[in-house]
All heavy atoms as atom14 arrays in JSON, in Angstrom:
{
  "sequence": "AGQTPKSKGKQGKPIARPKPCYLWTTADVQKWFKRHCSEYFHLYSHL",
  "atom14_mask": [
    [1, 1, 1, 1, 1, 0, 0, 0, 0, 0, 0, 0, 0, 0],
    [1, 1, 1, 1, 0, 0, 0, 0, 0, 0, 0, 0, 0, 0],
    [1, 1, 1, 1, 1, 1, 1, 1, 1, 0, 0, 0, 0, 0],
    [1, 1, 1, 1, 1, 1, 1, 0, 0, 0, 0, 0, 0, 0],
    [1, 1, 1, 1, 1, 1, 1, 0, 0, 0, 0, 0, 0, 0],
    [1, 1, 1, 1, 1, 1, 1, 1, 1, 0, 0, 0, 0, 0],
    [1, 1, 1, 1, 1, 1, 0, 0, 0, 0, 0, 0, 0, 0],
    [1, 1, 1, 1, 1, 1, 1, 1, 1, 0, 0, 0, 0, 0],
    [1, 1, 1, 1, 0, 0, 0, 0, 0, 0, 0, 0, 0, 0],
    [1, 1, 1, 1, 1, 1, 1, 1, 1, 0, 0, 0, 0, 0],
    [1, 1, 1, 1, 1, 1, 1, 1, 1, 0, 0, 0, 0, 0],
    [1, 1, 1, 1, 0, 0, 0, 0, 0, 0, 0, 0, 0, 0],
    [1, 1, 1, 1, 1, 1, 1, 1, 1, 0, 0, 0, 0, 0],
    [1, 1, 1, 1, 1, 1, 1, 0, 0, 0, 0, 0, 0, 0],
    [1, 1, 1, 1, 1, 1, 1, 1, 0, 0, 0, 0, 0, 0],
    [1, 1, 1, 1, 1, 0, 0, 0, 0, 0, 0, 0, 0, 0],
    [1, 1, 1, 1, 1, 1, 1, 1, 1, 1, 1, 0, 0, 0],
    [1, 1, 1, 1, 1, 1, 1, 0, 0, 0, 0, 0, 0, 0],
    [1, 1, 1, 1, 1, 1, 1, 1, 1, 0, 0, 0, 0, 0],
    [1, 1, 1, 1, 1, 1, 1, 0, 0, 0, 0, 0, 0, 0],
    [1, 1, 1, 1, 1, 1, 0, 0, 0, 0, 0, 0, 0, 0],
    [1, 1, 1, 1, 1, 1, 1, 1, 1, 1, 1, 1, 0, 0],
    [1, 1, 1, 1, 1, 1, 1, 1, 0, 0, 0, 0, 0, 0],
    [1, 1, 1, 1, 1, 1, 1, 1, 1, 1, 1, 1, 1, 1],
    [1, 1, 1, 1, 1, 1, 1, 0, 0, 0, 0, 0, 0, 0],
    [1, 1, 1, 1, 1, 1, 1, 0, 0, 0, 0, 0, 0, 0],
    [1, 1, 1, 1, 1, 0, 0, 0, 0, 0, 0, 0, 0, 0],
    [1, 1, 1, 1, 1, 1, 1, 1, 0, 0, 0, 0, 0, 0],
    [1, 1, 1, 1, 1, 1, 1, 0, 0, 0, 0, 0, 0, 0],
    [1, 1, 1, 1, 1, 1, 1, 1, 1, 0, 0, 0, 0, 0],
    [1, 1, 1, 1, 1, 1, 1, 1, 1, 0, 0, 0, 0, 0],
    [1, 1, 1, 1, 1, 1, 1, 1, 1, 1, 1, 1, 1, 1],
    [1, 1, 1, 1, 1, 1, 1, 1, 1, 1, 1, 0, 0, 0],
    [1, 1, 1, 1, 1, 1, 1, 1, 1, 0, 0, 0, 0, 0],
    [1, 1, 1, 1, 1, 1, 1, 1, 1, 1, 1, 0, 0, 0],
    [1, 1, 1, 1, 1, 1, 1, 1, 1, 1, 0, 0, 0, 0],
    [1, 1, 1, 1, 1, 1, 0, 0, 0, 0, 0, 0, 0, 0],
    [1, 1, 1, 1, 1, 1, 0, 0, 0, 0, 0, 0, 0, 0],
    [1, 1, 1, 1, 1, 1, 1, 1, 1, 0, 0, 0, 0, 0],
    [1, 1, 1, 1, 1, 1, 1, 1, 1, 1, 1, 1, 0, 0],
    [1, 1, 1, 1, 1, 1, 1, 1, 1, 1, 1, 0, 0, 0],
    [1, 1, 1, 1, 1, 1, 1, 1, 1, 1, 0, 0, 0, 0],
    [1, 1, 1, 1, 1, 1, 1, 1, 0, 0, 0, 0, 0, 0],
    [1, 1, 1, 1, 1, 1, 1, 1, 1, 1, 1, 1, 0, 0],
    [1, 1, 1, 1, 1, 1, 0, 0, 0, 0, 0, 0, 0, 0],
    [1, 1, 1, 1, 1, 1, 1, 1, 1, 1, 0, 0, 0, 0],
    [1, 1, 1, 1, 1, 1, 1, 1, 0, 0, 0, 0, 0, 0]
  ],
  "atom14_positions": [
    [[-24.16, 0.73, -37.18], [-23.13, 1.72, -37.72], [-22.54, 2.47, -36.57], [-21.35, 2.85, -36.64], [-23.87, 2.68, -38.69], [0.0, 0.0, 0.0], [0.0, 0.0, 0.0], [0.0, 0.0, 0.0], [0.0, 0.0, 0.0], [0.0, 0.0, 0.0], [0.0, 0.0, 0.0], [0.0, 0.0, 0.0], [0.0, 0.0, 0.0], [0.0, 0.0, 0.0]],
    [[-23.27, 2.8, -35.46], [-22.73, 3.54, -34.39], [-21.97, 2.72, -33.34], [-21.33, 3.2, -32.44], [0.0, 0.0, 0.0], [0.0, 0.0, 0.0], [0.0, 0.0, 0.0], [0.0, 0.0, 0.0], [0.0, 0.0, 0.0], [0.0, 0.0, 0.0], [0.0, 0.0, 0.0], [0.0, 0.0, 0.0], [0.0, 0.0, 0.0], [0.0, 0.0, 0.0]],
    [[-21.95, 1.41, -33.51], [-21.26, 0.57, -32.53], [-19.9, 0.13, -33.04], [-19.69, -0.01, -34.32], [-22.04, -0.67, -32.3], [-23.34, -0.45, -31.56], [-24.05, -1.74, -31.28], [-24.03, -2.66, -32.15], [-24.79, -1.87, -30.2], [0.0, 0.0, 0.0], [0.0, 0.0, 0.0], [0.0, 0.0, 0.0], [0.0, 0.0, 0.0], [0.0, 0.0, 0.0]],
    [[-19.02, -0.16, -32.13], [-17.74, -0.81, -32.5], [-18.0, -2.32, -32.41], [-18.71, -2.82, -31.5], [-16.61, -0.37, -31.69], [-16.92, -0.64, -30.34], [-16.3, 1.11, -31.85], [0.0, 0.0, 0.0], [0.0, 0.0, 0.0], [0.0, 0.0, 0.0], [0.0, 0.0, 0.0], [0.0, 0.0, 0.0], [0.0, 0.0, 0.0], [0.0, 0.0, 0.0]],
    [[-17.38, -3.12, -33.33], [-17.52, -4.56, -33.24], [-17.04, -5.01, -31.91], [-16.0, -4.55, -31.5], [-16.73, -5.06, -34.44], [-16.45, -3.91, -35.29], [-16.58, -2.67, -34.48], [0.0, 0.0, 0.0], [0.0, 0.0, 0.0], [0.0, 0.0, 0.0], [0.0, 0.0, 0.0], [0.0, 0.0, 0.0], [0.0, 0.0, 0.0], [0.0, 0.0, 0.0]],
    [[-17.63, -6.03, -31.28], [-17.17, -6.53, -30.04], [-16.4, -7.8, -30.28], [-16.76, -8.63, -31.15], [-18.38, -6.75, -29.1], [-18.91, -5.42, -28.68], [-20.09, -5.68, -27.74], [-20.63, -4.4, -27.05], [-21.2, -3.39, -27.85], [0.0, 0.0, 0.0], [0.0, 0.0, 0.0], [0.0, 0.0, 0.0], [0.0, 0.0, 0.0], [0.0, 0.0, 0.0]],
    [[-15.42, -8.12, -29.51], [-14.66, -9.33, -29.6], [-15.62, -10.46, -28.99], [-16.49, -10.18, -28.2], [-13.44, -9.34, -28.72], [-12.66, -8.19, -29.19], [0.0, 0.0, 0.0], [0.0, 0.0, 0.0], [0.0, 0.0, 0.0], [0.0, 0.0, 0.0], [0.0, 0.0, 0.0], [0.0, 0.0, 0.0], [0.0, 0.0, 0.0], [0.0, 0.0, 0.0]],
    [[-15.37, -11.69, -29.37], [-16.08, -12.82, -28.89], [-15.33, -13.45, -27.83], [-14.06, -13.59, -27.88], [-16.33, -13.88, -29.98], [-17.13, -13.33, -31.17], [-18.6, -13.26, -30.84], [-19.35, -12.77, -32.06], [-20.77, -12.65, -31.82], [0.0, 0.0, 0.0], [0.0, 0.0, 0.0], [0.0, 0.0, 0.0], [0.0, 0.0, 0.0], [0.0, 0.0, 0.0]],
    [[-16.01, -13.84, -26.72], [-15.38, -14.53, -25.59], [-15.3, -16.01, -25.88], [-15.59, -16.48, -26.96], [0.0, 0.0, 0.0], [0.0, 0.0, 0.0], [0.0, 0.0, 0.0], [0.0, 0.0, 0.0], [0.0, 0.0, 0.0], [0.0, 0.0, 0.0], [0.0, 0.0, 0.0], [0.0, 0.0, 0.0], [0.0, 0.0, 0.0], [0.0, 0.0, 0.0]],
    [[-14.87, -16.76, -24.85], [-14.68, -18.18, -25.02], [-15.98, -18.92, -25.46], [-15.84, -19.88, -26.21], [-14.21, -18.82, -23.71], [-12.8, -18.43, -23.39], [-12.31, -19.08, -22.03], [-10.94, -18.67, -21.71], [-10.49, -19.28, -20.41], [0.0, 0.0, 0.0], [0.0, 0.0, 0.0], [0.0, 0.0, 0.0], [0.0, 0.0, 0.0], [0.0, 0.0, 0.0]],
    [[-17.13, -18.51, -25.0], [-18.31, -19.16, -25.37], [-19.02, -18.47, -26.56], [-20.26, -18.71, -26.77], [-19.22, -19.22, -24.14], [-18.56, -20.0, -22.95], [-19.37, -19.91, -21.72], [-20.43, -19.19, -21.64], [-19.04, -20.64, -20.7], [0.0, 0.0, 0.0], [0.0, 0.0, 0.0], [0.0, 0.0, 0.0], [0.0, 0.0, 0.0], [0.0, 0.0, 0.0]],
    [[-18.32, -17.67, -27.26], [-18.98, -17.0, -28.39], [-19.8, -15.81, -28.11], [-20.37, -15.23, -28.97], [0.0, 0.0, 0.0], [0.0, 0.0, 0.0], [0.0, 0.0, 0.0], [0.0, 0.0, 0.0], [0.0, 0.0, 0.0], [0.0, 0.0, 0.0], [0.0, 0.0, 0.0], [0.0, 0.0, 0.0], [0.0, 0.0, 0.0], [0.0, 0.0, 0.0]],
    [[-19.91, -15.44, -26.84], [-20.7, -14.24, -26.46], [-19.86, -12.99, -26.6], [-18.61, -13.08, -26.42], [-21.18, -14.41, -25.04], [-22.09, -15.5, -24.82], [-22.52, -15.58, -23.33], [-23.39, -16.84, -23.12], [-23.73, -16.94, -21.72], [0.0, 0.0, 0.0], [0.0, 0.0, 0.0], [0.0, 0.0, 0.0], [0.0, 0.0, 0.0], [0.0, 0.0, 0.0]],
    [[-20.49, -11.9, -27.04], [-19.66, -10.65, -27.15], [-19.15, -10.19, -25.79], [-19.82, -10.36, -24.79], [-20.7, -9.58, -27.69], [-21.9, -10.42, -28.09], [-21.81, -11.73, -27.37], [0.0, 0.0, 0.0], [0.0, 0.0, 0.0], [0.0, 0.0, 0.0], [0.0, 0.0, 0.0], [0.0, 0.0, 0.0], [0.0, 0.0, 0.0], [0.0, 0.0, 0.0]],
    [[-17.93, -9.75, -25.82], [-17.35, -9.16, -24.59], [-17.6, -7.68, -24.54], [-17.31, -6.92, -25.48], [-15.8, -9.39, -24.56], [-15.39, -10.91, -24.68], [-15.12, -8.73, -23.44], [-13.96, -11.19, -24.94], [0.0, 0.0, 0.0], [0.0, 0.0, 0.0], [0.0, 0.0, 0.0], [0.0, 0.0, 0.0], [0.0, 0.0, 0.0], [0.0, 0.0, 0.0]],
    [[-18.21, -7.26, -23.44], [-18.57, -5.81, -23.29], [-17.31, -5.06, -23.06], [-16.53, -5.37, -22.19], [-19.45, -5.59, -22.2], [0.0, 0.0, 0.0], [0.0, 0.0, 0.0], [0.0, 0.0, 0.0], [0.0, 0.0, 0.0], [0.0, 0.0, 0.0], [0.0, 0.0, 0.0], [0.0, 0.0, 0.0], [0.0, 0.0, 0.0], [0.0, 0.0, 0.0]],
    [[-17.12, -3.96, -23.89], [-15.9, -3.12, -23.66], [-16.29, -2.08, -22.56], [-17.41, -1.56, -22.51], [-15.57, -2.47, -24.91], [-15.05, -3.47, -25.98], [-14.3, -2.76, -27.09], [-13.79, -3.73, -27.96], [-13.7, -3.61, -29.2], [-14.07, -2.45, -29.72], [-13.26, -4.5, -29.99], [0.0, 0.0, 0.0], [0.0, 0.0, 0.0], [0.0, 0.0, 0.0]],
    [[-15.25, -1.72, -21.82], [-15.53, -0.61, -20.88], [-15.8, 0.73, -21.54], [-15.38, 0.95, -22.64], [-14.26, -0.56, -20.03], [-13.21, -1.23, -20.83], [-13.9, -2.23, -21.75], [0.0, 0.0, 0.0], [0.0, 0.0, 0.0], [0.0, 0.0, 0.0], [0.0, 0.0, 0.0], [0.0, 0.0, 0.0], [0.0, 0.0, 0.0], [0.0, 0.0, 0.0]],
    [[-16.57, 1.53, -20.85], [-16.89, 2.83, -21.44], [-15.63, 3.66, -21.56], [-14.78, 3.71, -20.71], [-17.82, 3.55, -20.44], [-18.27, 4.91, -20.91], [-19.21, 5.72, -20.01], [-19.72, 5.2, -18.78], [-20.62, 6.08, -17.97], [0.0, 0.0, 0.0], [0.0, 0.0, 0.0], [0.0, 0.0, 0.0], [0.0, 0.0, 0.0], [0.0, 0.0, 0.0]],
    [[-15.38, 4.31, -22.72], [-14.18, 5.1, -22.85], [-14.05, 6.18, -21.86], [-15.08, 6.71, -21.48], [-14.32, 5.7, -24.28], [-15.33, 4.93, -25.0], [-16.23, 4.35, -23.92], [0.0, 0.0, 0.0], [0.0, 0.0, 0.0], [0.0, 0.0, 0.0], [0.0, 0.0, 0.0], [0.0, 0.0, 0.0], [0.0, 0.0, 0.0], [0.0, 0.0, 0.0]],
    [[-12.87, 6.41, -21.31], [-12.68, 7.38, -20.18], [-13.12, 8.77, -20.48], [-13.56, 9.48, -19.66], [-11.33, 7.35, -19.7], [-9.97, 7.86, -20.86], [0.0, 0.0, 0.0], [0.0, 0.0, 0.0], [0.0, 0.0, 0.0], [0.0, 0.0, 0.0], [0.0, 0.0, 0.0], [0.0, 0.0, 0.0], [0.0, 0.0, 0.0], [0.0, 0.0, 0.0]],
    [[-13.11, 9.16, -21.81], [-13.53, 10.52, -22.13], [-15.03, 10.7, -22.14], [-15.55, 11.79, -22.22], [-12.99, 10.92, -23.56], [-13.25, 9.97, -24.69], [-14.45, 10.02, -25.37], [-12.27, 9.07, -25.07], [-14.74, 9.15, -26.4], [-12.56, 8.23, -26.07], [-13.74, 8.2, -26.78], [-13.94, 7.33, -27.75], [0.0, 0.0, 0.0], [0.0, 0.0, 0.0]],
    [[-15.81, 9.58, -21.9], [-17.2, 9.62, -21.65], [-17.62, 9.4, -20.18], [-18.79, 9.42, -19.85], [-17.93, 8.46, -22.56], [-17.74, 8.7, -24.07], [-18.38, 7.45, -24.71], [-18.3, 9.96, -24.54], [0.0, 0.0, 0.0], [0.0, 0.0, 0.0], [0.0, 0.0, 0.0], [0.0, 0.0, 0.0], [0.0, 0.0, 0.0], [0.0, 0.0, 0.0]],
    [[-16.59, 9.33, -19.32], [-16.93, 9.05, -17.93], [-17.59, 10.33, -17.26], [-17.33, 11.38, -17.52], [-15.63, 8.88, -17.16], [-14.99, 7.54, -17.36], [-15.5, 6.45, -18.14], [-13.77, 7.12, -16.85], [-14.54, 5.46, -18.03], [-13.44, 5.8, -17.28], [-12.76, 7.78, -16.01], [-12.31, 5.17, -16.92], [-11.61, 7.0, -15.63], [-11.42, 5.74, -16.06]],
    [[-18.51, 9.98, -16.36], [-19.15, 11.0, -15.53], [-18.25, 11.25, -14.26], [-17.21, 10.54, -14.14], [-20.48, 10.42, -14.98], [-20.29, 9.33, -14.14], [-21.41, 10.04, -16.06], [0.0, 0.0, 0.0], [0.0, 0.0, 0.0], [0.0, 0.0, 0.0], [0.0, 0.0, 0.0], [0.0, 0.0, 0.0], [0.0, 0.0, 0.0], [0.0, 0.0, 0.0]],
    [[-18.6, 12.16, -13.45], [-17.9, 12.44, -12.25], [-17.86, 11.21, -11.33], [-16.85, 10.95, -10.7], [-18.45, 13.69, -11.46], [-19.82, 13.5, -11.2], [-18.11, 14.97, -12.26], [0.0, 0.0, 0.0], [0.0, 0.0, 0.0], [0.0, 0.0, 0.0], [0.0, 0.0, 0.0], [0.0, 0.0, 0.0], [0.0, 0.0, 0.0], [0.0, 0.0, 0.0]],
    [[-18.91, 10.47, -11.34], [-19.03, 9.25, -10.5], [-18.03, 8.17, -11.07], [-17.41, 7.49, -10.27], [-20.45, 8.69, -10.55], [0.0, 0.0, 0.0], [0.0, 0.0, 0.0], [0.0, 0.0, 0.0], [0.0, 0.0, 0.0], [0.0, 0.0, 0.0], [0.0, 0.0, 0.0], [0.0, 0.0, 0.0], [0.0, 0.0, 0.0], [0.0, 0.0, 0.0]],
    [[-17.9, 8.02, -12.38], [-16.97, 7.19, -12.95], [-15.57, 7.52, -12.62], [-14.7, 6.7, -12.27], [-17.06, 7.12, -14.49], [-18.4, 6.52, -14.96], [-18.92, 5.66, -14.33], [-18.94, 7.02, -15.99], [0.0, 0.0, 0.0], [0.0, 0.0, 0.0], [0.0, 0.0, 0.0], [0.0, 0.0, 0.0], [0.0, 0.0, 0.0], [0.0, 0.0, 0.0]],
    [[-15.18, 8.82, -12.6], [-13.92, 9.38, -12.22], [-13.6, 8.97, -10.77], [-12.47, 8.53, -10.44], [-13.74, 10.81, -12.45], [-12.46, 11.42, -11.8], [-13.76, 11.15, -13.93], [0.0, 0.0, 0.0], [0.0, 0.0, 0.0], [0.0, 0.0, 0.0], [0.0, 0.0, 0.0], [0.0, 0.0, 0.0], [0.0, 0.0, 0.0], [0.0, 0.0, 0.0]],
    [[-14.62, 9.13, -9.92], [-14.47, 8.77, -8.44], [-14.14, 7.29, -8.38], [-13.31, 6.89, -7.51], [-15.72, 9.11, -7.74], [-15.99, 10.58, -7.52], [-14.92, 11.2, -6.58], [-14.64, 10.77, -5.55], [-14.27, 12.24, -7.14], [0.0, 0.0, 0.0], [0.0, 0.0, 0.0], [0.0, 0.0, 0.0], [0.0, 0.0, 0.0], [0.0, 0.0, 0.0]],
    [[-14.81, 6.53, -9.14], [-14.57, 5.02, -9.0], [-13.16, 4.74, -9.48], [-12.41, 3.99, -8.86], [-15.6, 4.29, -9.88], [-15.52, 2.78, -9.73], [-16.36, 2.04, -10.77], [-17.72, 2.34, -10.8], [-18.55, 1.45, -11.69], [0.0, 0.0, 0.0], [0.0, 0.0, 0.0], [0.0, 0.0, 0.0], [0.0, 0.0, 0.0], [0.0, 0.0, 0.0]],
    [[-12.7, 5.34, -10.58], [-11.37, 5.12, -11.09], [-10.3, 5.63, -10.02], [-9.36, 4.95, -9.69], [-11.14, 5.89, -12.37], [-9.73, 5.91, -12.81], [-9.14, 4.95, -13.6], [-8.7, 6.89, -12.57], [-7.82, 5.3, -13.73], [-7.57, 6.48, -13.18], [-8.77, 8.16, -11.88], [-6.38, 7.18, -13.14], [-7.61, 8.85, -11.78], [-6.4, 8.37, -12.4]],
    [[-10.6, 6.77, -9.42], [-9.65, 7.42, -8.49], [-9.57, 6.49, -7.31], [-8.41, 6.31, -6.75], [-10.13, 8.81, -8.1], [-9.02, 9.6, -7.36], [-7.89, 9.96, -7.98], [-9.28, 10.04, -6.1], [-6.9, 10.65, -7.29], [-8.36, 10.81, -5.4], [-7.16, 11.07, -5.97], [0.0, 0.0, 0.0], [0.0, 0.0, 0.0], [0.0, 0.0, 0.0]],
    [[-10.64, 5.96, -6.84], [-10.62, 5.04, -5.61], [-9.87, 3.77, -5.99], [-9.06, 3.31, -5.08], [-12.04, 4.73, -5.2], [-12.12, 3.98, -3.88], [-13.53, 3.87, -3.41], [-13.59, 3.42, -1.94], [-14.9, 3.48, -1.39], [0.0, 0.0, 0.0], [0.0, 0.0, 0.0], [0.0, 0.0, 0.0], [0.0, 0.0, 0.0], [0.0, 0.0, 0.0]],
    [[-10.02, 3.25, -7.1], [-9.35, 1.99, -7.52], [-7.85, 2.2, -7.76], [-7.01, 1.36, -7.41], [-10.01, 1.41, -8.79], [-9.31, 0.13, -9.3], [-10.03, -0.46, -10.44], [-11.34, -0.93, -10.03], [-12.43, -1.06, -10.74], [-12.37, -0.61, -12.06], [-13.55, -1.58, -10.3], [0.0, 0.0, 0.0], [0.0, 0.0, 0.0], [0.0, 0.0, 0.0]],
    [[-7.48, 3.31, -8.41], [-6.01, 3.54, -8.88], [-5.27, 4.39, -7.96], [-4.02, 4.37, -8.02], [-6.04, 4.02, -10.32], [-6.56, 3.05, -11.3], [-5.8, 2.0, -11.8], [-7.79, 2.88, -11.8], [-6.56, 1.23, -12.64], [-7.74, 1.76, -12.61], [0.0, 0.0, 0.0], [0.0, 0.0, 0.0], [0.0, 0.0, 0.0], [0.0, 0.0, 0.0]],
    [[-5.88, 5.2, -7.18], [-5.2, 6.1, -6.24], [-5.78, 5.92, -4.86], [-6.01, 6.96, -4.17], [-5.36, 7.56, -6.76], [-4.65, 7.81, -8.4], [0.0, 0.0, 0.0], [0.0, 0.0, 0.0], [0.0, 0.0, 0.0], [0.0, 0.0, 0.0], [0.0, 0.0, 0.0], [0.0, 0.0, 0.0], [0.0, 0.0, 0.0], [0.0, 0.0, 0.0]],
    [[-5.99, 4.7, -4.43], [-6.75, 4.49, -3.22], [-6.11, 5.16, -1.94], [-6.85, 5.66, -1.07], [-6.85, 2.98, -2.99], [-5.65, 2.32, -2.9], [0.0, 0.0, 0.0], [0.0, 0.0, 0.0], [0.0, 0.0, 0.0], [0.0, 0.0, 0.0], [0.0, 0.0, 0.0], [0.0, 0.0, 0.0], [0.0, 0.0, 0.0], [0.0, 0.0, 0.0]],
    [[-4.78, 5.2, -1.94], [-4.19, 5.76, -0.67], [-4.33, 7.29, -0.62], [-4.16, 7.9, 0.42], [-2.73, 5.39, -0.51], [-1.82, 5.78, -1.62], [-0.44, 5.22, -1.47], [0.32, 5.76, -0.52], [-0.06, 4.25, -2.11], [0.0, 0.0, 0.0], [0.0, 0.0, 0.0], [0.0, 0.0, 0.0], [0.0, 0.0, 0.0], [0.0, 0.0, 0.0]],
    [[-4.74, 7.91, -1.71], [-4.99, 9.4, -1.73], [-6.45, 9.77, -1.86], [-6.8, 10.93, -1.87], [-4.23, 9.98, -2.9], [-2.79, 9.58, -2.92], [-2.23, 8.78, -3.97], [-1.91, 9.97, -1.84], [-0.94, 8.49, -3.92], [-0.61, 9.57, -1.85], [-0.06, 8.86, -2.89], [1.17, 8.4, -2.88], [0.0, 0.0, 0.0], [0.0, 0.0, 0.0]],
    [[-7.32, 8.69, -2.01], [-8.74, 8.98, -2.28], [-9.36, 9.84, -1.1], [-10.03, 10.83, -1.43], [-9.49, 7.65, -2.35], [-10.96, 7.77, -2.66], [-11.37, 8.06, -4.01], [-11.97, 7.64, -1.73], [-12.73, 8.22, -4.24], [-13.28, 7.79, -1.93], [-13.63, 8.07, -3.26], [0.0, 0.0, 0.0], [0.0, 0.0, 0.0], [0.0, 0.0, 0.0]],
    [[-9.16, 9.5, 0.13], [-9.73, 10.21, 1.22], [-9.18, 11.62, 1.36], [-9.85, 12.54, 1.86], [-9.44, 9.43, 2.55], [-8.05, 9.42, 2.89], [-7.1, 8.58, 2.41], [-7.39, 10.12, 3.92], [-5.97, 8.76, 2.97], [-6.09, 9.73, 3.89], [0.0, 0.0, 0.0], [0.0, 0.0, 0.0], [0.0, 0.0, 0.0], [0.0, 0.0, 0.0]],
    [[-7.98, 11.92, 0.74], [-7.38, 13.24, 0.77], [-7.91, 14.21, -0.27], [-8.0, 15.38, -0.11], [-5.87, 13.16, 0.72], [-5.09, 12.43, 1.87], [-3.69, 12.25, 1.51], [-5.33, 13.27, 3.12], [0.0, 0.0, 0.0], [0.0, 0.0, 0.0], [0.0, 0.0, 0.0], [0.0, 0.0, 0.0], [0.0, 0.0, 0.0], [0.0, 0.0, 0.0]],
    [[-8.13, 13.59, -1.48], [-8.33, 14.46, -2.64], [-9.63, 14.24, -3.47], [-9.85, 15.0, -4.41], [-7.12, 14.3, -3.62], [-5.82, 14.61, -2.95], [-4.8, 13.65, -2.81], [-5.56, 15.94, -2.49], [-3.59, 13.95, -2.3], [-4.33, 16.15, -1.89], [-3.34, 15.23, -1.82], [-2.2, 15.5, -1.23], [0.0, 0.0, 0.0], [0.0, 0.0, 0.0]],
    [[-10.35, 13.14, -3.11], [-11.54, 12.88, -3.95], [-12.53, 14.03, -3.95], [-13.18, 14.3, -4.97], [-12.24, 11.62, -3.45], [-12.7, 11.76, -2.14], [0.0, 0.0, 0.0], [0.0, 0.0, 0.0], [0.0, 0.0, 0.0], [0.0, 0.0, 0.0], [0.0, 0.0, 0.0], [0.0, 0.0, 0.0], [0.0, 0.0, 0.0], [0.0, 0.0, 0.0]],
    [[-12.64, 14.7, -2.84], [-13.6, 15.91, -2.72], [-13.16, 16.98, -3.77], [-13.98, 17.71, -4.27], [-13.65, 16.45, -1.33], [-12.38, 17.17, -0.89], [-11.25, 16.48, -0.49], [-12.12, 18.45, -0.79], [-10.33, 17.33, -0.21], [-10.8, 18.54, -0.38], [0.0, 0.0, 0.0], [0.0, 0.0, 0.0], [0.0, 0.0, 0.0], [0.0, 0.0, 0.0]],
    [[-11.87, 17.1, -4.03], [-11.45, 18.16, -4.99], [-11.98, 17.83, -6.43], [-12.33, 18.75, -7.09], [-9.88, 18.28, -5.03], [-9.23, 18.66, -3.76], [-7.71, 18.57, -3.86], [-9.65, 20.05, -3.31], [0.0, 0.0, 0.0], [0.0, 0.0, 0.0], [0.0, 0.0, 0.0], [0.0, 0.0, 0.0], [0.0, 0.0, 0.0], [0.0, 0.0, 0.0]]
  ]
}
């Protein structure tokens, strides 16, 4: 009841959905910032 149904992949295995961003930890935010704002990561990640 607490899970959302998962889509099936090519081999019939459930595809894991990424964690919703509103549940991210500070470490998850750092990972996102490094991936999506890489040229600014060294300037602002500490903030």
